[in-house]
Protein backbone atom coordinates (compact mmCIF):
# COMPACT_ATOMS: atom_id res chain seq x y z
CA UNK A 1 -27.96 -32.90 -68.49
CA UNK A 2 -26.72 -29.93 -67.31
CA UNK A 3 -28.85 -27.04 -65.56
CA UNK A 4 -29.30 -24.12 -67.35
CA UNK A 5 -29.56 -20.23 -65.59
CA UNK A 6 -30.90 -17.08 -67.27
CA UNK A 7 -29.33 -14.15 -66.54
CA UNK A 8 -31.10 -12.99 -63.58
CA UNK A 9 -30.40 -16.30 -61.64
CA UNK A 10 -26.65 -16.10 -62.65
CA UNK A 11 -27.02 -12.33 -61.47
CA UNK A 12 -28.49 -13.15 -57.90
CA UNK A 13 -26.22 -16.08 -57.31
CA UNK A 14 -22.71 -14.07 -58.33
CA UNK A 15 -23.90 -10.75 -56.09
CA UNK A 16 -23.76 -8.68 -59.47
CA UNK A 17 -26.35 -6.61 -61.75
CA UNK A 18 -27.45 -8.68 -64.77
CA UNK A 19 -25.77 -5.69 -66.72
CA UNK A 20 -22.50 -7.42 -65.68
CA UNK A 21 -23.22 -10.70 -66.05
CA UNK A 22 -24.11 -9.83 -70.45
CA UNK A 23 -20.70 -8.10 -70.45
CA UNK A 24 -19.55 -10.84 -69.15
CA UNK A 25 -21.07 -13.13 -72.14
CA UNK A 26 -20.03 -10.00 -74.58
CA UNK A 27 -15.78 -10.30 -73.09
CA UNK A 28 -16.42 -13.91 -74.31
CA UNK A 29 -15.24 -14.59 -70.49
CA UNK A 30 -18.47 -16.51 -69.43
CA UNK A 31 -19.65 -19.13 -72.12
CA UNK A 32 -23.96 -18.52 -72.63
CA UNK A 33 -26.06 -18.70 -74.92
CA UNK A 34 -28.60 -17.47 -76.91
CA UNK A 35 -31.60 -19.76 -76.83
CA UNK A 36 -34.25 -17.46 -78.53
CA UNK A 37 -36.33 -18.67 -81.90
CA UNK A 38 -36.43 -15.73 -84.59
CA UNK A 39 -37.51 -12.80 -81.68
CA UNK A 40 -34.63 -9.67 -81.70
CA UNK A 41 -34.35 -10.38 -78.20
CA UNK A 42 -31.58 -12.81 -76.75
CA UNK A 43 -32.37 -14.76 -74.54
CA UNK A 44 -28.85 -16.07 -73.13
CA UNK A 45 -28.49 -19.21 -70.84
CA UNK A 46 -25.60 -20.42 -68.81
CA UNK A 47 -25.02 -24.26 -67.89
CA UNK A 48 -24.10 -24.79 -64.58
CA UNK A 49 -20.34 -25.82 -65.79
CA UNK A 50 -19.22 -22.40 -66.85
CA UNK A 51 -20.82 -20.45 -64.23
CA UNK A 52 -17.86 -22.76 -62.57
CA UNK A 53 -15.42 -22.53 -64.94
CA UNK A 54 -16.03 -18.52 -64.95
CA UNK A 55 -16.45 -18.67 -60.70
CA UNK A 56 -12.84 -20.63 -60.90
CA UNK A 57 -10.61 -18.76 -63.02
CA UNK A 58 -12.05 -14.83 -61.25
CA UNK A 59 -11.28 -16.40 -57.55
CA UNK A 60 -7.68 -16.29 -57.43
CA UNK A 61 -6.96 -16.55 -54.17
CA UNK A 62 -5.80 -14.27 -51.23
CA UNK A 63 -4.79 -10.86 -52.94
CA UNK A 64 -1.32 -10.45 -52.52
CA UNK A 65 -0.74 -8.02 -49.03
CA UNK A 66 0.22 -4.50 -49.54
CA UNK A 67 3.34 -4.52 -47.78
CA UNK A 68 3.46 -1.69 -45.31
CA UNK A 69 4.78 1.36 -45.20
CA UNK A 70 7.77 1.62 -41.83
CA UNK A 71 7.19 4.98 -40.15
CA UNK A 72 10.14 8.05 -40.45
CA UNK A 73 12.20 7.62 -37.35
CA UNK A 74 12.41 10.50 -35.55
CA UNK A 75 14.99 12.35 -35.51
CA UNK A 76 17.48 13.17 -31.92
CA UNK A 77 17.18 16.78 -30.62
CA UNK A 78 19.22 17.38 -27.26
CA UNK A 79 16.77 18.92 -25.29
CA UNK A 80 18.71 22.28 -23.25
CA UNK A 81 17.18 22.83 -20.12
């Protein structure tokens, strides 16, 4: 049996707000189910497996390094003495 977590628990694990967790649920990126029985307000539950899959899909590894900008070469101006 897998462990199920609430939105605030998942938000604390991910270090984001509960609103962002609900946004990911609404977009379908984070799988969750509504455990409310006939109440108006949904009570989302997220399984450990779906949270692991979400984390794996969000972490693409290292970001691409930014190309280095080269400094412009200074023009050589003869010094008059």
